[in-house]
Amino acid sequence: MKQRTIQKEVSIRGKALHTGKDVMLTLKPAPVDTGIVFCRTDLYGKPKVRPLVDLVLGSEMQRQTTVEQNHIKLHTIEHVNSALNGMGVDNCIVELNE
């Protein structure tokens, strides 16, 4: 099966939905079989988290999806994850600084 990634890196800066903190989100092309991988660039070692169903936590706040892997939590990732899925993107690195 043919896999797809994005053509080039793209970034957006804004306010986090629930915290109001400044956040930078960068989407980067990724090699075949990478999958969708979130990377916390603000944390030591830039840990990576794959948004797998088994990692979804009970909602700490209403109306958001939280995943946790190795004590690293990602909140409200369903929006970007759905957008990538809707566009047929199979492989992408999603960098977040918050």
PDB file of N, CA and C in Angstrom:
ATOM      1  N   MET A   1       0.838  -1.178   0.000  1.00  0.00           N
ATOM      2  CA  MET A   1       0.000   0.000   0.000  1.00  0.00           C
ATOM      3  C   MET A   1       0.885   1.245   0.000  1.00  0.00           C
ATOM      4  N   LYS A   2       0.563   2.187  -0.856  1.00  0.00           N
ATOM      5  CA  LYS A   2       1.331   3.425  -0.953  1.00  0.00           C
ATOM      6  C   LYS A   2       1.061   4.309   0.268  1.00  0.00           C
ATOM      7  N   GLN A   3       2.129   4.867   0.834  1.00  0.00           N
ATOM      8  CA  GLN A   3       2.007   5.745   1.993  1.00  0.00           C
ATOM      9  C   GLN A   3       2.278   7.184   1.582  1.00  0.00           C
ATOM     10  N   ARG A   4       1.716   8.106   2.369  1.00  0.00           N
ATOM     11  CA  ARG A   4       1.864   9.526   2.057  1.00  0.00           C
ATOM     12  C   ARG A   4       2.392  10.300   3.256  1.00  0.00           C
ATOM     13  N   THR A   5       3.145  11.369   2.946  1.00  0.00           N
ATOM     14  CA  THR A   5       3.584  12.321   3.953  1.00  0.00           C
ATOM     15  C   THR A   5       3.292  13.710   3.399  1.00  0.00           C
ATOM     16  N   ILE A   6       3.671  14.740   4.118  1.00  0.00           N
ATOM     17  CA  ILE A   6       3.485  16.099   3.615  1.00  0.00           C
ATOM     18  C   ILE A   6       4.689  16.479   2.756  1.00  0.00           C
ATOM     19  N   GLN A   7       4.496  17.460   1.887  1.00  0.00           N
ATOM     20  CA  GLN A   7       5.550  17.828   0.940  1.00  0.00           C
ATOM     21  C   GLN A   7       6.692  18.595   1.596  1.00  0.00           C
ATOM     22  N   LYS A   8       6.344  19.509   2.518  1.00  0.00           N
ATOM     23  CA  LYS A   8       7.388  20.314   3.152  1.00  0.00           C
ATOM     24  C   LYS A   8       6.978  20.670   4.576  1.00  0.00           C
ATOM     25  N   GLU A   9       7.948  21.102   5.342  1.00  0.00           N
ATOM     26  CA  GLU A   9       7.725  21.510   6.727  1.00  0.00           C
ATOM     27  C   GLU A   9       6.852  22.757   6.776  1.00  0.00           C
ATOM     28  N   VAL A  10       5.949  22.799   7.755  1.00  0.00           N
ATOM     29  CA  VAL A  10       5.093  23.969   7.954  1.00  0.00           C
ATOM     30  C   VAL A  10       4.906  24.169   9.458  1.00  0.00           C
ATOM     31  N   SER A  11       4.891  25.444   9.888  1.00  0.00           N
ATOM     32  CA  SER A  11       4.738  25.760  11.311  1.00  0.00           C
ATOM     33  C   SER A  11       3.618  26.763  11.515  1.00  0.00           C
ATOM     34  N   ILE A  12       3.041  26.699  12.700  1.00  0.00           N
ATOM     35  CA  ILE A  12       2.023  27.667  13.095  1.00  0.00           C
ATOM     36  C   ILE A  12       2.231  27.981  14.571  1.00  0.00           C
ATOM     37  N   ARG A  13       2.034  29.238  14.920  1.00  0.00           N
ATOM     38  CA  ARG A  13       2.180  29.681  16.308  1.00  0.00           C
ATOM     39  C   ARG A  13       0.828  30.215  16.769  1.00  0.00           C
ATOM     40  N   GLY A  14       0.492  29.944  18.028  1.00  0.00           N
ATOM     41  CA  GLY A  14      -0.774  30.439  18.562  1.00  0.00           C
ATOM     42  C   GLY A  14      -0.870  30.168  20.049  1.00  0.00           C
ATOM     43  N   LYS A  15      -2.082  30.248  20.558  1.00  0.00           N
ATOM     44  CA  LYS A  15      -2.358  30.015  21.976  1.00  0.00           C
ATOM     45  C   LYS A  15      -2.935  28.614  22.151  1.00  0.00           C
ATOM     46  N   ALA A  16      -2.466  27.915  23.160  1.00  0.00           N
ATOM     47  CA  ALA A  16      -3.012  26.597  23.472  1.00  0.00           C
ATOM     48  C   ALA A  16      -4.473  26.749  23.887  1.00  0.00           C
ATOM     49  N   LEU A  17      -5.305  25.839  23.426  1.00  0.00           N
ATOM     50  CA  LEU A  17      -6.745  25.936  23.619  1.00  0.00           C
ATOM     51  C   LEU A  17      -7.150  26.035  25.082  1.00  0.00           C
ATOM     52  N   HIS A  18      -6.644  25.171  25.938  1.00  0.00           N
ATOM     53  CA  HIS A  18      -7.089  25.134  27.330  1.00  0.00           C
ATOM     54  C   HIS A  18      -6.217  25.932  28.292  1.00  0.00           C
ATOM     55  N   THR A  19      -4.936  26.121  27.962  1.00  0.00           N
ATOM     56  CA  THR A  19      -4.039  26.826  28.888  1.00  0.00           C
ATOM     57  C   THR A  19      -3.785  28.272  28.498  1.00  0.00           C
ATOM     58  N   GLY A  20      -3.978  28.601  27.232  1.00  0.00           N
ATOM     59  CA  GLY A  20      -3.701  29.953  26.762  1.00  0.00           C
ATOM     60  C   GLY A  20      -2.220  30.242  26.596  1.00  0.00           C
ATOM     61  N   LYS A  21      -1.371  29.249  26.807  1.00  0.00           N
ATOM     62  CA  LYS A  21       0.073  29.447  26.653  1.00  0.00           C
ATOM     63  C   LYS A  21       0.433  29.540  25.175  1.00  0.00           C
ATOM     64  N   ASP A  22       1.525  30.276  24.886  1.00  0.00           N
ATOM     65  CA  ASP A  22       2.024  30.340  23.512  1.00  0.00           C
ATOM     66  C   ASP A  22       2.560  28.973  23.117  1.00  0.00           C
ATOM     67  N   VAL A  23       2.236  28.550  21.913  1.00  0.00           N
ATOM     68  CA  VAL A  23       2.679  27.238  21.445  1.00  0.00           C
ATOM     69  C   VAL A  23       3.071  27.325  19.972  1.00  0.00           C
ATOM     70  N   MET A  24       4.085  26.564  19.622  1.00  0.00           N
ATOM     71  CA  MET A  24       4.518  26.431  18.228  1.00  0.00           C
ATOM     72  C   MET A  24       4.302  24.980  17.835  1.00  0.00           C
ATOM     73  N   LEU A  25       3.614  24.775  16.726  1.00  0.00           N
ATOM     74  CA  LEU A  25       3.379  23.444  16.189  1.00  0.00           C
ATOM     75  C   LEU A  25       4.028  23.385  14.820  1.00  0.00           C
ATOM     76  N   THR A  26       4.861  22.389  14.600  1.00  0.00           N
ATOM     77  CA  THR A  26       5.535  22.212  13.314  1.00  0.00           C
ATOM     78  C   THR A  26       5.247  20.814  12.797  1.00  0.00           C
ATOM     79  N   LEU A  27       4.790  20.737  11.554  1.00  0.00           N
ATOM     80  CA  LEU A  27       4.575  19.462  10.875  1.00  0.00           C
ATOM     81  C   LEU A  27       5.749  19.237   9.947  1.00  0.00           C
ATOM     82  N   LYS A  28       6.350  18.049  10.024  1.00  0.00           N
ATOM     83  CA  LYS A  28       7.510  17.733   9.193  1.00  0.00           C
ATOM     84  C   LYS A  28       7.257  16.447   8.411  1.00  0.00           C
ATOM     85  N   PRO A  29       7.746  16.393   7.169  1.00  0.00           N
ATOM     86  CA  PRO A  29       7.648  15.146   6.408  1.00  0.00           C
ATOM     87  C   PRO A  29       8.374  14.026   7.155  1.00  0.00           C
ATOM     88  N   ALA A  30       7.883  12.806   6.981  1.00  0.00           N
ATOM     89  CA  ALA A  30       8.503  11.657   7.650  1.00  0.00           C
ATOM     90  C   ALA A  30       8.619  10.493   6.670  1.00  0.00           C
ATOM     91  N   PRO A  31       9.625   9.641   6.866  1.00  0.00           N
ATOM     92  CA  PRO A  31       9.822   8.487   5.987  1.00  0.00           C
ATOM     93  C   PRO A  31       8.677   7.469   6.086  1.00  0.00           C
ATOM     94  N   VAL A  32       8.617   6.602   5.100  1.00  0.00           N
ATOM     95  CA  VAL A  32       7.649   5.505   5.075  1.00  0.00           C
ATOM     96  C   VAL A  32       7.748   4.700   6.370  1.00  0.00           C
ATOM     97  N   ASP A  33       6.614   4.279   6.871  1.00  0.00           N
ATOM     98  CA  ASP A  33       6.475   3.455   8.080  1.00  0.00           C
ATOM     99  C   ASP A  33       6.800   4.184   9.380  1.00  0.00           C
ATOM    100  N   THR A  34       6.929   5.511   9.342  1.00  0.00           N
ATOM    101  CA  THR A  34       7.117   6.288  10.570  1.00  0.00           C
ATOM    102  C   THR A  34       5.809   6.387  11.332  1.00  0.00           C
ATOM    103  N   GLY A  35       4.716   6.589  10.613  1.00  0.00           N
ATOM    104  CA  GLY A  35       3.422   6.840  11.234  1.00  0.00           C
ATOM    105  C   GLY A  35       3.338   8.297  11.660  1.00  0.00           C
ATOM    106  N   ILE A  36       2.333   8.615  12.445  1.00  0.00           N
ATOM    107  CA  ILE A  36       2.194   9.953  13.012  1.00  0.00           C
ATOM    108  C   ILE A  36       2.894   9.917  14.368  1.00  0.00           C
ATOM    109  N   VAL A  37       3.848  10.812  14.566  1.00  0.00           N
ATOM    110  CA  VAL A  37       4.627  10.847  15.803  1.00  0.00           C
ATOM    111  C   VAL A  37       4.651  12.280  16.321  1.00  0.00           C
ATOM    112  N   PHE A  38       4.268  12.457  17.576  1.00  0.00           N
ATOM    113  CA  PHE A  38       4.323  13.765  18.223  1.00  0.00           C
ATOM    114  C   PHE A  38       5.632  13.866  18.989  1.00  0.00           C
ATOM    115  N   CYS A  39       6.284  15.016  18.916  1.00  0.00           N
ATOM    116  CA  CYS A  39       7.579  15.240  19.556  1.00  0.00           C
ATOM    117  C   CYS A  39       7.495  16.499  20.408  1.00  0.00           C
ATOM    118  N   ARG A  40       7.778  16.381  21.707  1.00  0.00           N
ATOM    119  CA  ARG A  40       7.772  17.530  22.621  1.00  0.00           C
ATOM    120  C   ARG A  40       9.156  18.175  22.614  1.00  0.00           C
ATOM    121  N   THR A  41       9.318  19.235  21.835  1.00  0.00           N
ATOM    122  CA  THR A  41      10.616  19.890  21.691  1.00  0.00           C
ATOM    123  C   THR A  41      11.018  20.698  22.919  1.00  0.00           C
ATOM    124  N   ASP A  42      10.076  20.937  23.833  1.00  0.00           N
ATOM    125  CA  ASP A  42      10.373  21.710  25.037  1.00  0.00           C
ATOM    126  C   ASP A  42      10.932  20.850  26.166  1.00  0.00           C
ATOM    127  N   LEU A  43      10.907  19.548  26.011  1.00  0.00           N
ATOM    128  CA  LEU A  43      11.360  18.654  27.069  1.00  0.00           C
ATOM    129  C   LEU A  43      12.716  18.038  26.736  1.00  0.00           C
ATOM    130  N   TYR A  44      13.471  17.722  27.780  1.00  0.00           N
ATOM    131  CA  TYR A  44      14.795  17.127  27.624  1.00  0.00           C
ATOM    132  C   TYR A  44      14.708  15.866  26.767  1.00  0.00           C
ATOM    133  N   GLY A  45      15.586  15.770  25.797  1.00  0.00           N
ATOM    134  CA  GLY A  45      15.633  14.609  24.922  1.00  0.00           C
ATOM    135  C   GLY A  45      14.591  14.614  23.821  1.00  0.00           C
ATOM    136  N   LYS A  46      13.749  15.636  23.805  1.00  0.00           N
ATOM    137  CA  LYS A  46      12.683  15.753  22.797  1.00  0.00           C
ATOM    138  C   LYS A  46      11.927  14.430  22.636  1.00  0.00           C
ATOM    139  N   PRO A  47      11.273  13.986  23.722  1.00  0.00           N
ATOM    140  CA  PRO A  47      10.603  12.684  23.678  1.00  0.00           C
ATOM    141  C   PRO A  47       9.497  12.628  22.629  1.00  0.00           C
ATOM    142  N   LYS A  48       9.307  11.431  22.102  1.00  0.00           N
ATOM    143  CA  LYS A  48       8.310  11.205  21.058  1.00  0.00           C
ATOM    144  C   LYS A  48       7.185  10.332  21.602  1.00  0.00           C
ATOM    145  N   VAL A  49       5.970  10.625  21.150  1.00  0.00           N
ATOM    146  CA  VAL A  49       4.785   9.870  21.549  1.00  0.00           C
ATOM    147  C   VAL A  49       3.986   9.542  20.298  1.00  0.00           C
ATOM    148  N   ARG A  50       3.602   8.294  20.169  1.00  0.00           N
ATOM    149  CA  ARG A  50       2.719   7.883  19.070  1.00  0.00           C
ATOM    150  C   ARG A  50       1.281   7.904  19.602  1.00  0.00           C
ATOM    151  N   PRO A  51       0.355   8.504  18.874  1.00  0.00           N
ATOM    152  CA  PRO A  51      -1.030   8.605  19.359  1.00  0.00           C
ATOM    153  C   PRO A  51      -1.803   7.297  19.165  1.00  0.00           C
ATOM    154  N   LEU A  52      -1.506   6.316  19.982  1.00  0.00           N
ATOM    155  CA  LEU A  52      -2.150   5.011  19.893  1.00  0.00           C
ATOM    156  C   LEU A  52      -3.338   4.941  20.846  1.00  0.00           C
ATOM    157  N   VAL A  53      -4.356   4.206  20.465  1.00  0.00           N
ATOM    158  CA  VAL A  53      -5.565   4.077  21.278  1.00  0.00           C
ATOM    159  C   VAL A  53      -5.229   3.593  22.684  1.00  0.00           C
ATOM    160  N   ASP A  54      -4.282   2.689  22.816  1.00  0.00           N
ATOM    161  CA  ASP A  54      -3.911   2.143  24.125  1.00  0.00           C
ATOM    162  C   ASP A  54      -3.319   3.195  25.063  1.00  0.00           C
ATOM    163  N   LEU A  55      -2.906   4.335  24.534  1.00  0.00           N
ATOM    164  CA  LEU A  55      -2.282   5.384  25.349  1.00  0.00           C
ATOM    165  C   LEU A  55      -3.263   6.463  25.791  1.00  0.00           C
ATOM    166  N   VAL A  56      -4.524   6.379  25.343  1.00  0.00           N
ATOM    167  CA  VAL A  56      -5.516   7.401  25.686  1.00  0.00           C
ATOM    168  C   VAL A  56      -5.879   7.269  27.156  1.00  0.00           C
ATOM    169  N   LEU A  57      -5.840   8.406  27.863  1.00  0.00           N
ATOM    170  CA  LEU A  57      -6.195   8.451  29.283  1.00  0.00           C
ATOM    171  C   LEU A  57      -7.653   8.842  29.430  1.00  0.00           C
ATOM    172  N   GLY A  58      -8.208   8.549  30.602  1.00  0.00           N
ATOM    173  CA  GLY A  58      -9.508   9.107  30.927  1.00  0.00           C
ATOM    174  C   GLY A  58      -9.371  10.619  30.896  1.00  0.00           C
ATOM    175  N   SER A  59     -10.362  11.306  30.410  1.00  0.00           N
ATOM    176  CA  SER A  59     -10.263  12.754  30.211  1.00  0.00           C
ATOM    177  C   SER A  59     -10.026  13.488  31.524  1.00  0.00           C
ATOM    178  N   GLU A  60      -8.942  14.243  31.583  1.00  0.00           N
ATOM    179  CA  GLU A  60      -8.658  15.091  32.738  1.00  0.00           C
ATOM    180  C   GLU A  60      -9.488  16.370  32.652  1.00  0.00           C
ATOM    181  N   MET A  61      -9.815  16.747  31.450  1.00  0.00           N
ATOM    182  CA  MET A  61     -10.664  17.909  31.190  1.00  0.00           C
ATOM    183  C   MET A  61     -11.693  17.451  30.170  1.00  0.00           C
ATOM    184  N   GLN A  62     -12.877  17.990  30.252  1.00  0.00           N
ATOM    185  CA  GLN A  62     -13.901  17.599  29.287  1.00  0.00           C
ATOM    186  C   GLN A  62     -13.512  18.020  27.886  1.00  0.00           C
ATOM    187  N   ARG A  63     -13.981  17.265  26.921  1.00  0.00           N
ATOM    188  CA  ARG A  63     -13.846  17.578  25.497  1.00  0.00           C
ATOM    189  C   ARG A  63     -12.399  17.660  25.016  1.00  0.00           C
ATOM    190  N   GLN A  64     -11.586  16.742  25.427  1.00  0.00           N
ATOM    191  CA  GLN A  64     -10.232  16.671  24.882  1.00  0.00           C
ATOM    192  C   GLN A  64      -9.726  15.237  24.974  1.00  0.00           C
ATOM    193  N   THR A  65      -8.788  14.917  24.114  1.00  0.00           N
ATOM    194  CA  THR A  65      -8.139  13.615  24.153  1.00  0.00           C
ATOM    195  C   THR A  65      -6.728  13.811  24.694  1.00  0.00           C
ATOM    196  N   THR A  66      -6.369  13.014  25.682  1.00  0.00           N
ATOM    197  CA  THR A  66      -5.024  13.042  26.251  1.00  0.00           C
ATOM    198  C   THR A  66      -4.398  11.665  26.073  1.00  0.00           C
ATOM    199  N   VAL A  67      -3.172  11.647  25.552  1.00  0.00           N
ATOM    200  CA  VAL A  67      -2.409  10.402  25.484  1.00  0.00           C
ATOM    201  C   VAL A  67      -1.163  10.570  26.346  1.00  0.00           C
ATOM    202  N   GLU A  68      -0.715   9.464  26.929  1.00  0.00           N
ATOM    203  CA  GLU A  68       0.485   9.498  27.773  1.00  0.00           C
ATOM    204  C   GLU A  68       1.356   8.296  27.458  1.00  0.00           C
ATOM    205  N   GLN A  69       2.646   8.567  27.316  1.00  0.00           N
ATOM    206  CA  GLN A  69       3.632   7.511  27.104  1.00  0.00           C
ATOM    207  C   GLN A  69       4.902   7.921  27.831  1.00  0.00           C
ATOM    208  N   ASN A  70       5.412   7.054  28.700  1.00  0.00           N
ATOM    209  CA  ASN A  70       6.629   7.340  29.474  1.00  0.00           C
ATOM    210  C   ASN A  70       6.529   8.661  30.231  1.00  0.00           C
ATOM    211  N   HIS A  71       5.380   8.907  30.843  1.00  0.00           N
ATOM    212  CA  HIS A  71       5.108  10.097  31.658  1.00  0.00           C
ATOM    213  C   HIS A  71       5.017  11.388  30.845  1.00  0.00           C
ATOM    214  N   ILE A  72       4.977  11.296  29.529  1.00  0.00           N
ATOM    215  CA  ILE A  72       4.819  12.467  28.666  1.00  0.00           C
ATOM    216  C   ILE A  72       3.367  12.510  28.225  1.00  0.00           C
ATOM    217  N   LYS A  73       2.687  13.620  28.524  1.00  0.00           N
ATOM    218  CA  LYS A  73       1.279  13.762  28.157  1.00  0.00           C
ATOM    219  C   LYS A  73       1.130  14.747  27.006  1.00  0.00           C
ATOM    220  N   LEU A  74       0.207  14.420  26.131  1.00  0.00           N
ATOM    221  CA  LEU A  74      -0.180  15.310  25.034  1.00  0.00           C
ATOM    222  C   LEU A  74      -1.684  15.514  25.137  1.00  0.00           C
ATOM    223  N   HIS A  75      -2.105  16.766  25.107  1.00  0.00           N
ATOM    224  CA  HIS A  75      -3.520  17.093  25.250  1.00  0.00           C
ATOM    225  C   HIS A  75      -4.079  17.648  23.940  1.00  0.00           C
ATOM    226  N   THR A  76      -5.337  17.363  23.688  1.00  0.00           N
ATOM    227  CA  THR A  76      -6.106  17.911  22.561  1.00  0.00           C
ATOM    228  C   THR A  76      -5.423  17.631  21.225  1.00  0.00           C
ATOM    229  N   ILE A  77      -4.900  16.440  21.076  1.00  0.00           N
ATOM    230  CA  ILE A  77      -4.217  16.096  19.825  1.00  0.00           C
ATOM    231  C   ILE A  77      -5.176  15.632  18.739  1.00  0.00           C
ATOM    232  N   GLU A  78      -6.438  15.430  19.111  1.00  0.00           N
ATOM    233  CA  GLU A  78      -7.385  14.883  18.142  1.00  0.00           C
ATOM    234  C   GLU A  78      -7.599  15.796  16.941  1.00  0.00           C
ATOM    235  N   HIS A  79      -7.401  17.085  17.114  1.00  0.00           N
ATOM    236  CA  HIS A  79      -7.627  18.031  16.015  1.00  0.00           C
ATOM    237  C   HIS A  79      -6.590  17.852  14.907  1.00  0.00           C
ATOM    238  N   VAL A  80      -5.328  17.890  15.256  1.00  0.00           N
ATOM    239  CA  VAL A  80      -4.282  17.738  14.238  1.00  0.00           C
ATOM    240  C   VAL A  80      -4.238  16.299  13.728  1.00  0.00           C
ATOM    241  N   ASN A  81      -4.480  15.347  14.611  1.00  0.00           N
ATOM    242  CA  ASN A  81      -4.488  13.948  14.192  1.00  0.00           C
ATOM    243  C   ASN A  81      -5.607  13.692  13.170  1.00  0.00           C
ATOM    244  N   SER A  82      -6.780  14.252  13.414  1.00  0.00           N
ATOM    245  CA  SER A  82      -7.906  14.103  12.484  1.00  0.00           C
ATOM    246  C   SER A  82      -7.631  14.792  11.160  1.00  0.00           C
ATOM    247  N   ALA A  83      -7.019  15.963  11.210  1.00  0.00           N
ATOM    248  CA  ALA A  83      -6.703  16.690   9.973  1.00  0.00           C
ATOM    249  C   ALA A  83      -5.728  15.885   9.114  1.00  0.00           C
ATOM    250  N   LEU A  84      -4.701  15.336   9.734  1.00  0.00           N
ATOM    251  CA  LEU A  84      -3.740  14.523   8.987  1.00  0.00           C
ATOM    252  C   LEU A  84      -4.417  13.291   8.400  1.00  0.00           C
ATOM    253  N   ASN A  85      -5.237  12.633   9.197  1.00  0.00           N
ATOM    254  CA  ASN A  85      -5.952  11.451   8.724  1.00  0.00           C
ATOM    255  C   ASN A  85      -6.901  11.804   7.583  1.00  0.00           C
ATOM    256  N   GLY A  86      -7.617  12.912   7.720  1.00  0.00           N
ATOM    257  CA  GLY A  86      -8.550  13.341   6.684  1.00  0.00           C
ATOM    258  C   GLY A  86      -7.871  13.661   5.363  1.00  0.00           C
ATOM    259  N   MET A  87      -6.621  14.093   5.426  1.00  0.00           N
ATOM    260  CA  MET A  87      -5.853  14.406   4.217  1.00  0.00           C
ATOM    261  C   MET A  87      -5.098  13.181   3.690  1.00  0.00           C
ATOM    262  N   GLY A  88      -5.259  12.055   4.357  1.00  0.00           N
ATOM    263  CA  GLY A  88      -4.612  10.827   3.899  1.00  0.00           C
ATOM    264  C   GLY A  88      -3.130  10.757   4.197  1.00  0.00           C
ATOM    265  N   VAL A  89      -2.675  11.518   5.195  1.00  0.00           N
ATOM    266  CA  VAL A  89      -1.254  11.521   5.567  1.00  0.00           C
ATOM    267  C   VAL A  89      -0.988  10.350   6.516  1.00  0.00           C
ATOM    268  N   ASP A  90      -0.071   9.486   6.126  1.00  0.00           N
ATOM    269  CA  ASP A  90       0.280   8.311   6.923  1.00  0.00           C
ATOM    270  C   ASP A  90       1.496   8.537   7.813  1.00  0.00           C
ATOM    271  N   ASN A  91       2.408   9.415   7.380  1.00  0.00           N
ATOM    272  CA  ASN A  91       3.693   9.610   8.049  1.00  0.00           C
ATOM    273  C   ASN A  91       3.963  11.094   8.238  1.00  0.00           C
ATOM    274  N   CYS A  92       4.135  11.511   9.493  1.00  0.00           N
ATOM    275  CA  CYS A  92       4.385  12.927   9.780  1.00  0.00           C
ATOM    276  C   CYS A  92       4.945  13.053  11.194  1.00  0.00           C
ATOM    277  N   ILE A  93       5.907  13.943  11.358  1.00  0.00           N
ATOM    278  CA  ILE A  93       6.418  14.306  12.680  1.00  0.00           C
ATOM    279  C   ILE A  93       5.720  15.596  13.080  1.00  0.00           C
ATOM    280  N   VAL A  94       5.078  15.590  14.245  1.00  0.00           N
ATOM    281  CA  VAL A  94       4.367  16.760  14.759  1.00  0.00           C
ATOM    282  C   VAL A  94       5.144  17.255  15.969  1.00  0.00           C
ATOM    283  N   GLU A  95       5.836  18.375  15.814  1.00  0.00           N
ATOM    284  CA  GLU A  95       6.619  18.930  16.923  1.00  0.00           C
ATOM    285  C   GLU A  95       5.798  19.977  17.662  1.00  0.00           C
ATOM    286  N   LEU A  96       5.827  19.890  18.997  1.00  0.00           N
ATOM    287  CA  LEU A  96       5.120  20.830  19.867  1.00  0.00           C
ATOM    288  C   LEU A  96       6.080  21.340  20.920  1.00  0.00           C
ATOM    289  N   ASN A  97       5.978  22.618  21.258  1.00  0.00           N
ATOM    290  CA  ASN A  97       6.850  23.141  22.308  1.00  0.00           C
ATOM    291  C   ASN A  97       6.093  23.366  23.612  1.00  0.00           C
ATOM    292  N   GLU A  98       4.939  22.763  23.761  1.00  0.00           N
ATOM    293  CA  GLU A  98       4.145  22.900  24.988  1.00  0.00           C
ATOM    294  C   GLU A  98       3.293  21.665  25.152  1.00  0.00           C
TER     295      GLU A  98
END
